[in-house]
């Protein structure tokens, strides 16, 4: 995929050393654009050379912010979009940094940790005239789109679906020592690994009317959701002991399963270019904005703050 946008669009990226950053770099490159500058407190970012070896790199947010401001004032290579791949609890601050520098923001999930943060960001959008987009890549997955179309066609029947969601993605001891293992920074297990699934479910089956948490531990959680058109049982874990025996025997470290009325929805593949598709939609004025992130952020906030 090349030259989707004309003229060349300039990007900056926050969180260049993280797991998800290469997908954003690839999306910028595959949509025919360029990365001007990147920020991360950690300097193990050699991956940048595979995409944008000429990009400026900063380890201090103050100097990165100054660089964006200088580019804006000079009017040469002004940054049009800031892609945000930083730890979850910093998303709000980094979105504000982007908009202060007259740039749009493209932020990884979760957009913010608390639903009231959305209201504040909407005010800043109005003040600056800039847009805040979030990456909800499952909405671009062919199998998920097909399921949504099927549900839409059956809405006249007022059908209530029974959904079973299991997502197990093994993580080592490092996870609990990193920001991801600290609930106040990541939002906890359901936020960190599950928010895109909750977004997908509300996108297809409607708003959440009841949210019951049955178990919430540092490495796994389970509960039930009542959506407008579905009853959902969910289980999420980063503990490899929770993998099904078949997955273990096959040497797999990740297992995801969604059944709808007992029928498995196959979506294990098709993930490789979803970020590129997300960027293409954003650049064409069709990105997912703040309000579209609200339902899933409310769900994971309530899960995190539930009383056991």
C-alpha atoms as a PDB file:
ATOM      1  CA  UNK A   1       0.000   0.000   0.000  1.00  0.00           C
ATOM      2  CA  UNK A   2       1.665   3.223  -1.093  1.00  0.00           C
ATOM      3  CA  UNK A   3       0.905   6.854  -1.636  1.00  0.00           C
ATOM      4  CA  UNK A   4      -2.540   6.762  -0.071  1.00  0.00           C
ATOM      5  CA  UNK A   5      -2.237  10.413   0.852  1.00  0.00           C
ATOM      6  CA  UNK A   6      -0.938  13.403  -1.047  1.00  0.00           C
ATOM      7  CA  UNK A   7       0.928  15.492  -0.212  1.00  0.00           C
ATOM      8  CA  UNK A   8       3.341  13.858   2.242  1.00  0.00           C
ATOM      9  CA  UNK A   9       2.041  13.928   5.821  1.00  0.00           C
ATOM     10  CA  UNK A  10       4.509  14.430   8.683  1.00  0.00           C
ATOM     11  CA  UNK A  11       4.278  12.296  11.822  1.00  0.00           C
ATOM     12  CA  UNK A  12       5.925  12.247  15.224  1.00  0.00           C
ATOM     13  CA  UNK A  13       5.730   9.234  17.533  1.00  0.00           C
ATOM     14  CA  UNK A  14       5.734   8.935  21.327  1.00  0.00           C
ATOM     15  CA  UNK A  15       6.697   5.537  22.756  1.00  0.00           C
ATOM     16  CA  UNK A  16       9.094   4.342  20.076  1.00  0.00           C
ATOM     17  CA  UNK A  17      10.615   1.528  22.164  1.00  0.00           C
ATOM     18  CA  UNK A  18       7.305  -0.154  22.961  1.00  0.00           C
ATOM     19  CA  UNK A  19       5.814  -3.379  21.639  1.00  0.00           C
ATOM     20  CA  UNK A  20       3.184  -1.707  19.466  1.00  0.00           C
ATOM     21  CA  UNK A  21       5.339   1.094  18.004  1.00  0.00           C
ATOM     22  CA  UNK A  22       6.612  -0.875  14.959  1.00  0.00           C
ATOM     23  CA  UNK A  23       3.030  -1.357  13.768  1.00  0.00           C
ATOM     24  CA  UNK A  24       2.575   2.402  13.805  1.00  0.00           C
ATOM     25  CA  UNK A  25       5.885   2.983  12.017  1.00  0.00           C
ATOM     26  CA  UNK A  26       4.890   0.462   9.374  1.00  0.00           C
ATOM     27  CA  UNK A  27       1.465   2.089   8.989  1.00  0.00           C
ATOM     28  CA  UNK A  28       3.063   5.523   8.507  1.00  0.00           C
ATOM     29  CA  UNK A  29       5.410   4.118   5.871  1.00  0.00           C
ATOM     30  CA  UNK A  30       2.801   1.994   4.083  1.00  0.00           C
ATOM     31  CA  UNK A  31       0.458   4.970   3.770  1.00  0.00           C
ATOM     32  CA  UNK A  32       3.238   6.829   1.982  1.00  0.00           C
ATOM     33  CA  UNK A  33       4.139   9.271   4.752  1.00  0.00           C
ATOM     34  CA  UNK A  34       7.135  10.103   6.936  1.00  0.00           C
ATOM     35  CA  UNK A  35       8.218  10.085  10.573  1.00  0.00           C
ATOM     36  CA  UNK A  36       9.933  13.328  11.535  1.00  0.00           C
ATOM     37  CA  UNK A  37      10.672  12.715  15.225  1.00  0.00           C
ATOM     38  CA  UNK A  38      10.285  10.079  17.927  1.00  0.00           C
ATOM     39  CA  UNK A  39      10.368  10.071  21.722  1.00  0.00           C
ATOM     40  CA  UNK A  40      11.076   7.386  24.298  1.00  0.00           C
ATOM     41  CA  UNK A  41      12.942   7.465  27.628  1.00  0.00           C
ATOM     42  CA  UNK A  42      14.551   4.182  26.564  1.00  0.00           C
ATOM     43  CA  UNK A  43      17.054   4.333  23.722  1.00  0.00           C
ATOM     44  CA  UNK A  44      16.715   0.759  22.421  1.00  0.00           C
ATOM     45  CA  UNK A  45      14.916   1.967  19.320  1.00  0.00           C
ATOM     46  CA  UNK A  46      17.006   0.567  16.477  1.00  0.00           C
ATOM     47  CA  UNK A  47      13.744  -0.537  14.861  1.00  0.00           C
ATOM     48  CA  UNK A  48      13.378   3.045  13.626  1.00  0.00           C
ATOM     49  CA  UNK A  49      16.192   2.387  11.130  1.00  0.00           C
ATOM     50  CA  UNK A  50      14.021  -0.191   9.386  1.00  0.00           C
ATOM     51  CA  UNK A  51      11.435   2.467   8.613  1.00  0.00           C
ATOM     52  CA  UNK A  52      12.682   6.041   9.057  1.00  0.00           C
ATOM     53  CA  UNK A  53      16.442   6.247   9.683  1.00  0.00           C
ATOM     54  CA  UNK A  54      16.419  10.042   9.278  1.00  0.00           C
ATOM     55  CA  UNK A  55      13.900  10.652  12.069  1.00  0.00           C
ATOM     56  CA  UNK A  56      15.100  12.762  14.981  1.00  0.00           C
ATOM     57  CA  UNK A  57      15.056  10.920  18.325  1.00  0.00           C
ATOM     58  CA  UNK A  58      14.611  12.245  21.859  1.00  0.00           C
ATOM     59  CA  UNK A  59      14.689  10.631  25.296  1.00  0.00           C
ATOM     60  CA  UNK A  60      13.348  13.694  27.125  1.00  0.00           C
ATOM     61  CA  UNK A  61       9.766  14.883  26.582  1.00  0.00           C
ATOM     62  CA  UNK A  62      10.747  18.511  27.195  1.00  0.00           C
ATOM     63  CA  UNK A  63      13.213  18.514  24.298  1.00  0.00           C
ATOM     64  CA  UNK A  64      10.777  16.599  22.079  1.00  0.00           C
ATOM     65  CA  UNK A  65       8.050  19.146  22.866  1.00  0.00           C
ATOM     66  CA  UNK A  66      10.454  21.985  22.080  1.00  0.00           C
ATOM     67  CA  UNK A  67      11.351  20.339  18.759  1.00  0.00           C
ATOM     68  CA  UNK A  68       7.702  20.088  17.728  1.00  0.00           C
ATOM     69  CA  UNK A  69       7.174  23.715  18.727  1.00  0.00           C
ATOM     70  CA  UNK A  70      10.182  24.859  16.675  1.00  0.00           C
ATOM     71  CA  UNK A  71       8.936  22.973  13.612  1.00  0.00           C
ATOM     72  CA  UNK A  72       5.494  24.516  14.034  1.00  0.00           C
ATOM     73  CA  UNK A  73       6.883  28.035  14.329  1.00  0.00           C
ATOM     74  CA  UNK A  74       9.224  27.640  11.356  1.00  0.00           C
ATOM     75  CA  UNK A  75       6.415  26.249   9.228  1.00  0.00           C
ATOM     76  CA  UNK A  76       8.814  23.725   7.682  1.00  0.00           C
ATOM     77  CA  UNK A  77       8.208  20.028   8.350  1.00  0.00           C
ATOM     78  CA  UNK A  78       5.464  20.909  10.803  1.00  0.00           C
ATOM     79  CA  UNK A  79       4.124  17.732  12.394  1.00  0.00           C
ATOM     80  CA  UNK A  80       0.592  16.977  11.215  1.00  0.00           C
ATOM     81  CA  UNK A  81      -0.056  13.947  13.454  1.00  0.00           C
ATOM     82  CA  UNK A  82       1.459  12.660  16.689  1.00  0.00           C
ATOM     83  CA  UNK A  83       1.124   8.888  17.148  1.00  0.00           C
ATOM     84  CA  UNK A  84       0.952   7.892  20.811  1.00  0.00           C
ATOM     85  CA  UNK A  85       2.194   4.456  21.905  1.00  0.00           C
ATOM     86  CA  UNK A  86       3.247   5.371  25.446  1.00  0.00           C
ATOM     87  CA  UNK A  87       2.118   3.685  28.704  1.00  0.00           C
ATOM     88  CA  UNK A  88      -1.632   3.921  29.182  1.00  0.00           C
ATOM     89  CA  UNK A  89      -1.604   6.399  32.061  1.00  0.00           C
ATOM     90  CA  UNK A  90       0.373   8.923  29.977  1.00  0.00           C
ATOM     91  CA  UNK A  91      -1.967   8.935  26.981  1.00  0.00           C
ATOM     92  CA  UNK A  92      -4.007  11.872  28.258  1.00  0.00           C
ATOM     93  CA  UNK A  93      -0.920  14.056  28.775  1.00  0.00           C
ATOM     94  CA  UNK A  94       0.630  13.103  25.453  1.00  0.00           C
ATOM     95  CA  UNK A  95      -2.592  13.793  23.559  1.00  0.00           C
ATOM     96  CA  UNK A  96      -2.589  17.259  25.100  1.00  0.00           C
ATOM     97  CA  UNK A  97       1.039  17.744  24.043  1.00  0.00           C
ATOM     98  CA  UNK A  98       0.105  16.861  20.460  1.00  0.00           C
ATOM     99  CA  UNK A  99      -2.813  19.276  20.307  1.00  0.00           C
ATOM    100  CA  UNK A 100      -0.808  22.082  21.937  1.00  0.00           C
ATOM    101  CA  UNK A 101       1.611  21.745  19.038  1.00  0.00           C
ATOM    102  CA  UNK A 102      -1.178  22.136  16.481  1.00  0.00           C
ATOM    103  CA  UNK A 103      -1.146  18.438  15.562  1.00  0.00           C
ATOM    104  CA  UNK A 104      -3.834  15.799  15.434  1.00  0.00           C
ATOM    105  CA  UNK A 105      -3.369  12.829  17.797  1.00  0.00           C
ATOM    106  CA  UNK A 106      -3.567   9.128  16.958  1.00  0.00           C
ATOM    107  CA  UNK A 107      -3.624   7.188  20.215  1.00  0.00           C
ATOM    108  CA  UNK A 108      -3.371   3.501  20.993  1.00  0.00           C
ATOM    109  CA  UNK A 109      -5.946   1.818  23.226  1.00  0.00           C
ATOM    110  CA  UNK A 110      -7.006   2.694  25.811  1.00  0.00           C
ATOM    111  CA  UNK A 111      -7.453   6.297  24.758  1.00  0.00           C
ATOM    112  CA  UNK A 112      -7.620   7.239  28.459  1.00  0.00           C
ATOM    113  CA  UNK A 113      -8.158   5.298  31.686  1.00  0.00           C
ATOM    114  CA  UNK A 114     -11.266   7.075  32.999  1.00  0.00           C
ATOM    115  CA  UNK A 115     -14.491   8.118  31.251  1.00  0.00           C
ATOM    116  CA  UNK A 116     -14.341  11.678  32.622  1.00  0.00           C
ATOM    117  CA  UNK A 117     -10.991  12.181  30.863  1.00  0.00           C
ATOM    118  CA  UNK A 118     -12.907  11.902  27.583  1.00  0.00           C
ATOM    119  CA  UNK A 119     -15.010  14.950  28.444  1.00  0.00           C
ATOM    120  CA  UNK A 120     -11.908  17.058  29.141  1.00  0.00           C
ATOM    121  CA  UNK A 121     -10.270  16.012  25.873  1.00  0.00           C
ATOM    122  CA  UNK A 122     -13.403  16.894  23.930  1.00  0.00           C
ATOM    123  CA  UNK A 123     -13.118  20.420  25.311  1.00  0.00           C
ATOM    124  CA  UNK A 124      -9.492  20.629  24.152  1.00  0.00           C
ATOM    125  CA  UNK A 125     -10.502  19.394  20.697  1.00  0.00           C
ATOM    126  CA  UNK A 126     -12.979  22.273  20.480  1.00  0.00           C
ATOM    127  CA  UNK A 127     -10.404  24.797  21.705  1.00  0.00           C
ATOM    128  CA  UNK A 128      -7.654  23.716  19.295  1.00  0.00           C
ATOM    129  CA  UNK A 129      -9.690  22.614  16.289  1.00  0.00           C
ATOM    130  CA  UNK A 130      -7.590  19.439  16.147  1.00  0.00           C
ATOM    131  CA  UNK A 131      -8.843  15.854  16.182  1.00  0.00           C
ATOM    132  CA  UNK A 132      -8.086  12.958  18.511  1.00  0.00           C
ATOM    133  CA  UNK A 133      -8.306   9.511  16.957  1.00  0.00           C
ATOM    134  CA  UNK A 134      -8.053   6.121  18.619  1.00  0.00           C
ATOM    135  CA  UNK A 135      -6.937   2.791  17.182  1.00  0.00           C
ATOM    136  CA  UNK A 136      -9.841   0.326  17.261  1.00  0.00           C
ATOM    137  CA  UNK A 137      -8.370  -2.115  14.786  1.00  0.00           C
ATOM    138  CA  UNK A 138     -10.792  -5.005  15.360  1.00  0.00           C
ATOM    139  CA  UNK A 139     -13.465  -2.882  13.688  1.00  0.00           C
ATOM    140  CA  UNK A 140     -11.472  -3.346  10.472  1.00  0.00           C
ATOM    141  CA  UNK A 141     -11.126  -7.138  10.781  1.00  0.00           C
ATOM    142  CA  UNK A 142     -13.082  -8.912   7.991  1.00  0.00           C
ATOM    143  CA  UNK A 143     -14.536 -11.580  10.312  1.00  0.00           C
ATOM    144  CA  UNK A 144     -15.712  -8.960  12.811  1.00  0.00           C
ATOM    145  CA  UNK A 145     -17.241  -6.808  10.059  1.00  0.00           C
ATOM    146  CA  UNK A 146     -19.049  -9.885   8.734  1.00  0.00           C
ATOM    147  CA  UNK A 147     -20.421 -10.643  12.220  1.00  0.00           C
ATOM    148  CA  UNK A 148     -21.643  -7.066  12.651  1.00  0.00           C
ATOM    149  CA  UNK A 149     -23.431  -7.190   9.297  1.00  0.00           C
ATOM    150  CA  UNK A 150     -25.091 -10.469  10.281  1.00  0.00           C
ATOM    151  CA  UNK A 151     -26.293  -9.006  13.595  1.00  0.00           C
ATOM    152  CA  UNK A 152     -27.539  -5.829  11.893  1.00  0.00           C
ATOM    153  CA  UNK A 153     -29.596  -7.897   9.462  1.00  0.00           C
ATOM    154  CA  UNK A 154     -31.237  -9.803  12.342  1.00  0.00           C
ATOM    155  CA  UNK A 155     -32.052  -6.770  14.528  1.00  0.00           C
ATOM    156  CA  UNK A 156     -35.686  -6.739  13.441  1.00  0.00           C
ATOM    157  CA  UNK A 157     -36.027 -10.078  15.265  1.00  0.00           C
ATOM    158  CA  UNK A 158     -34.913  -8.440  18.558  1.00  0.00           C
ATOM    159  CA  UNK A 159     -32.589 -11.388  19.058  1.00  0.00           C
ATOM    160  CA  UNK A 160     -30.412 -11.689  22.177  1.00  0.00           C
ATOM    161  CA  UNK A 161     -27.142 -13.527  21.513  1.00  0.00           C
ATOM    162  CA  UNK A 162     -25.132 -15.626  23.959  1.00  0.00           C
ATOM    163  CA  UNK A 163     -21.440 -14.758  23.698  1.00  0.00           C
ATOM    164  CA  UNK A 164     -18.472 -16.531  25.244  1.00  0.00           C
ATOM    165  CA  UNK A 165     -15.132 -14.704  25.060  1.00  0.00           C
ATOM    166  CA  UNK A 166     -11.820 -16.211  26.166  1.00  0.00           C
ATOM    167  CA  UNK A 167      -8.499 -14.468  25.677  1.00  0.00           C
ATOM    168  CA  UNK A 168      -5.280 -15.859  27.127  1.00  0.00           C
ATOM    169  CA  UNK A 169      -1.988 -14.257  26.135  1.00  0.00           C
ATOM    170  CA  UNK A 170       0.975 -15.529  28.119  1.00  0.00           C
ATOM    171  CA  UNK A 171       3.275 -13.023  29.803  1.00  0.00           C
ATOM    172  CA  UNK A 172       6.406 -13.675  31.846  1.00  0.00           C
ATOM    173  CA  UNK A 173       7.513 -12.340  35.207  1.00  0.00           C
ATOM    174  CA  UNK A 174       8.664  -9.081  33.591  1.00  0.00           C
ATOM    175  CA  UNK A 175       5.035  -8.054  33.074  1.00  0.00           C
ATOM    176  CA  UNK A 176       4.384  -7.609  36.797  1.00  0.00           C
ATOM    177  CA  UNK A 177       7.530  -5.501  37.217  1.00  0.00           C
ATOM    178  CA  UNK A 178       6.678  -3.207  34.298  1.00  0.00           C
ATOM    179  CA  UNK A 179       4.082  -0.445  34.105  1.00  0.00           C
ATOM    180  CA  UNK A 180       1.703  -3.001  32.602  1.00  0.00           C
ATOM    181  CA  UNK A 181       1.557  -4.858  35.900  1.00  0.00           C
ATOM    182  CA  UNK A 182       0.657  -1.740  37.888  1.00  0.00           C
ATOM    183  CA  UNK A 183      -3.090  -1.105  37.860  1.00  0.00           C
ATOM    184  CA  UNK A 184      -2.726   2.620  38.379  1.00  0.00           C
ATOM    185  CA  UNK A 185      -0.586   2.855  35.222  1.00  0.00           C
ATOM    186  CA  UNK A 186      -2.075   0.261  32.888  1.00  0.00           C
ATOM    187  CA  UNK A 187      -5.633   0.149  34.170  1.00  0.00           C
ATOM    188  CA  UNK A 188      -5.264  -3.494  35.122  1.00  0.00           C
ATOM    189  CA  UNK A 189      -5.661  -6.764  33.300  1.00  0.00           C
ATOM    190  CA  UNK A 190      -9.049  -6.128  31.618  1.00  0.00           C
ATOM    191  CA  UNK A 191      -7.965  -2.698  30.372  1.00  0.00           C
ATOM    192  CA  UNK A 192      -4.530  -3.708  29.217  1.00  0.00           C
ATOM    193  CA  UNK A 193      -5.356  -6.818  27.191  1.00  0.00           C
ATOM    194  CA  UNK A 194      -9.124  -6.668  26.811  1.00  0.00           C
ATOM    195  CA  UNK A 195     -10.342  -3.210  25.936  1.00  0.00           C
ATOM    196  CA  UNK A 196     -10.342  -3.813  22.168  1.00  0.00           C
ATOM    197  CA  UNK A 197     -12.559  -6.881  22.684  1.00  0.00           C
ATOM    198  CA  UNK A 198     -15.024  -4.909  24.805  1.00  0.00           C
ATOM    199  CA  UNK A 199     -15.051  -2.206  22.134  1.00  0.00           C
ATOM    200  CA  UNK A 200     -15.740  -4.781  19.460  1.00  0.00           C
ATOM    201  CA  UNK A 201     -18.591  -6.338  21.452  1.00  0.00           C
ATOM    202  CA  UNK A 202     -20.361  -3.031  22.163  1.00  0.00           C
ATOM    203  CA  UNK A 203     -19.821  -1.943  18.548  1.00  0.00           C
ATOM    204  CA  UNK A 204     -21.689  -5.038  17.360  1.00  0.00           C
ATOM    205  CA  UNK A 205     -24.166  -5.812  20.155  1.00  0.00           C
ATOM    206  CA  UNK A 206     -24.935  -2.406  21.666  1.00  0.00           C
ATOM    207  CA  UNK A 207     -24.412  -0.557  24.917  1.00  0.00           C
ATOM    208  CA  UNK A 208     -23.695  -2.251  28.229  1.00  0.00           C
ATOM    209  CA  UNK A 209     -26.588  -2.279  30.710  1.00  0.00           C
ATOM    210  CA  UNK A 210     -25.092  -4.591  33.352  1.00  0.00           C
ATOM    211  CA  UNK A 211     -21.467  -5.360  34.267  1.00  0.00           C
ATOM    212  CA  UNK A 212     -20.723  -8.094  36.803  1.00  0.00           C
ATOM    213  CA  UNK A 213     -17.173  -9.026  37.797  1.00  0.00           C
ATOM    214  CA  UNK A 214     -16.797 -12.564  39.124  1.00  0.00           C
ATOM    215  CA  UNK A 215     -13.015 -12.637  39.555  1.00  0.00           C
ATOM    216  CA  UNK A 216     -10.302 -10.001  39.370  1.00  0.00           C
ATOM    217  CA  UNK A 217      -6.665 -10.907  40.006  1.00  0.00           C
ATOM    218  CA  UNK A 218      -3.382  -9.429  38.820  1.00  0.00           C
ATOM    219  CA  UNK A 219      -3.036 -12.066  36.091  1.00  0.00           C
ATOM    220  CA  UNK A 220      -6.624 -12.955  35.182  1.00  0.00           C
ATOM    221  CA  UNK A 221     -10.209 -11.747  35.418  1.00  0.00           C
ATOM    222  CA  UNK A 222     -13.681 -12.967  34.536  1.00  0.00           C
ATOM    223  CA  UNK A 223     -17.202 -11.633  34.475  1.00  0.00           C
ATOM    224  CA  UNK A 224     -20.490 -11.099  32.669  1.00  0.00           C
ATOM    225  CA  UNK A 225     -21.833  -8.262  30.562  1.00  0.00           C
ATOM    226  CA  UNK A 226     -25.404  -7.627  29.540  1.00  0.00           C
ATOM    227  CA  UNK A 227     -25.439  -5.681  26.287  1.00  0.00           C
ATOM    228  CA  UNK A 228     -28.465  -4.424  24.388  1.00  0.00           C
ATOM    229  CA  UNK A 229     -28.455  -7.497  22.138  1.00  0.00           C
ATOM    230  CA  UNK A 230     -26.206  -9.987  23.939  1.00  0.00           C
ATOM    231  CA  UNK A 231     -25.283 -11.786  27.135  1.00  0.00           C
ATOM    232  CA  UNK A 232     -21.500 -12.076  27.419  1.00  0.00           C
ATOM    233  CA  UNK A 233     -19.385 -14.375  29.568  1.00  0.00           C
ATOM    234  CA  UNK A 234     -15.726 -13.319  29.424  1.00  0.00           C
ATOM    235  CA  UNK A 235     -12.406 -14.582  30.733  1.00  0.00           C
ATOM    236  CA  UNK A 236      -8.996 -12.983  30.213  1.00  0.00           C
ATOM    237  CA  UNK A 237      -5.588 -14.069  31.457  1.00  0.00           C
ATOM    238  CA  UNK A 238      -1.862 -13.579  31.033  1.00  0.00           C
ATOM    239  CA  UNK A 239      -1.143 -16.828  32.928  1.00  0.00           C
ATOM    240  CA  UNK A 240       0.046 -19.608  30.608  1.00  0.00           C
ATOM    241  CA  UNK A 241      -1.454 -22.187  33.000  1.00  0.00           C
ATOM    242  CA  UNK A 242      -4.869 -21.086  31.775  1.00  0.00           C
ATOM    243  CA  UNK A 243      -4.134 -22.081  28.170  1.00  0.00           C
ATOM    244  CA  UNK A 244      -6.276 -24.997  26.907  1.00  0.00           C
ATOM    245  CA  UNK A 245      -4.430 -28.292  26.640  1.00  0.00           C
ATOM    246  CA  UNK A 246      -4.712 -28.238  22.858  1.00  0.00           C
ATOM    247  CA  UNK A 247      -3.016 -24.864  22.663  1.00  0.00           C
ATOM    248  CA  UNK A 248      -0.245 -26.022  25.010  1.00  0.00           C
ATOM    249  CA  UNK A 249       0.312 -29.183  22.985  1.00  0.00           C
ATOM    250  CA  UNK A 250       0.634 -27.090  19.827  1.00  0.00           C
ATOM    251  CA  UNK A 251       3.230 -24.873  21.502  1.00  0.00           C
ATOM    252  CA  UNK A 252       0.986 -21.810  21.365  1.00  0.00           C
ATOM    253  CA  UNK A 253       1.311 -19.008  23.905  1.00  0.00           C
ATOM    254  CA  UNK A 254      -1.876 -17.174  22.927  1.00  0.00           C
ATOM    255  CA  UNK A 255      -5.448 -18.407  22.713  1.00  0.00           C
ATOM    256  CA  UNK A 256      -8.463 -16.362  21.662  1.00  0.00           C
ATOM    257  CA  UNK A 257     -11.972 -17.656  21.223  1.00  0.00           C
ATOM    258  CA  UNK A 258     -15.315 -15.967  20.650  1.00  0.00           C
ATOM    259  CA  UNK A 259     -18.449 -18.041  20.261  1.00  0.00           C
ATOM    260  CA  UNK A 260     -21.818 -16.586  19.285  1.00  0.00           C
ATOM    261  CA  UNK A 261     -24.711 -18.898  20.194  1.00  0.00           C
ATOM    262  CA  UNK A 262     -22.152 -21.710  20.356  1.00  0.00           C
ATOM    263  CA  UNK A 263     -20.659 -20.989  16.943  1.00  0.00           C
ATOM    264  CA  UNK A 264     -16.951 -20.122  16.859  1.00  0.00           C
ATOM    265  CA  UNK A 265     -16.014 -16.856  15.158  1.00  0.00           C
ATOM    266  CA  UNK A 266     -12.707 -17.481  13.423  1.00  0.00           C
ATOM    267  CA  UNK A 267     -10.523 -14.380  13.533  1.00  0.00           C
ATOM    268  CA  UNK A 268      -7.086 -15.720  14.459  1.00  0.00           C
ATOM    269  CA  UNK A 269      -5.608 -14.379  11.224  1.00  0.00           C
ATOM    270  CA  UNK A 270      -5.929 -11.112   9.369  1.00  0.00           C
ATOM    271  CA  UNK A 271      -4.248  -8.938  11.987  1.00  0.00           C
ATOM    272  CA  UNK A 272      -1.071  -7.999  10.122  1.00  0.00           C
ATOM    273  CA  UNK A 273      -2.236  -4.852   8.352  1.00  0.00           C
ATOM    274  CA  UNK A 274      -5.041  -3.599  10.606  1.00  0.00           C
ATOM    275  CA  UNK A 275      -2.976  -0.644  11.837  1.00  0.00           C
ATOM    276  CA  UNK A 276      -2.240   0.362   8.257  1.00  0.00           C
ATOM    277  CA  UNK A 277      -5.961   0.188   7.508  1.00  0.00           C
ATOM    278  CA  UNK A 278      -6.636   2.285  10.615  1.00  0.00           C
ATOM    279  CA  UNK A 279      -4.188   4.950   9.449  1.00  0.00           C
ATOM    280  CA  UNK A 280      -5.610   4.950   5.929  1.00  0.00           C
ATOM    281  CA  UNK A 281      -9.089   5.589   7.303  1.00  0.00           C
ATOM    282  CA  UNK A 282      -7.845   8.372   9.589  1.00  0.00           C
ATOM    283  CA  UNK A 283      -5.987  10.073   6.759  1.00  0.00           C
ATOM    284  CA  UNK A 284      -9.114   9.851   4.611  1.00  0.00           C
ATOM    285  CA  UNK A 285     -11.172  11.552   7.331  1.00  0.00           C
ATOM    286  CA  UNK A 286     -12.857   8.339   8.472  1.00  0.00           C
ATOM    287  CA  UNK A 287     -11.044   7.610  11.752  1.00  0.00           C
ATOM    288  CA  UNK A 288     -12.595   6.639  15.076  1.00  0.00           C
ATOM    289  CA  UNK A 289     -12.847   9.616  17.402  1.00  0.00           C
ATOM    290  CA  UNK A 290     -13.111  10.147  21.135  1.00  0.00           C
ATOM    291  CA  UNK A 291     -16.793   9.352  21.584  1.00  0.00           C
ATOM    292  CA  UNK A 292     -16.437   5.962  19.941  1.00  0.00           C
ATOM    293  CA  UNK A 293     -13.997   4.920  22.669  1.00  0.00           C
ATOM    294  CA  UNK A 294     -16.336   5.850  25.534  1.00  0.00           C
ATOM    295  CA  UNK A 295     -18.315   2.604  25.897  1.00  0.00           C
ATOM    296  CA  UNK A 296     -15.292   0.333  26.280  1.00  0.00           C
ATOM    297  CA  UNK A 297     -13.503   2.785  28.592  1.00  0.00           C
ATOM    298  CA  UNK A 298     -16.571   2.861  30.849  1.00  0.00           C
ATOM    299  CA  UNK A 299     -16.716  -0.955  30.908  1.00  0.00           C
ATOM    300  CA  UNK A 300     -13.077  -1.456  31.911  1.00  0.00           C
ATOM    301  CA  UNK A 301     -13.257   1.409  34.420  1.00  0.00           C
ATOM    302  CA  UNK A 302     -16.204  -0.321  36.106  1.00  0.00           C
ATOM    303  CA  UNK A 303     -14.434  -3.694  36.045  1.00  0.00           C
ATOM    304  CA  UNK A 304     -11.316  -2.172  37.604  1.00  0.00           C
ATOM    305  CA  UNK A 305     -13.284  -0.448  40.340  1.00  0.00           C
ATOM    306  CA  UNK A 306     -15.746  -3.253  41.102  1.00  0.00           C
ATOM    307  CA  UNK A 307     -16.109  -4.516  44.649  1.00  0.00           C
ATOM    308  CA  UNK A 308     -15.347  -8.218  44.928  1.00  0.00           C
END
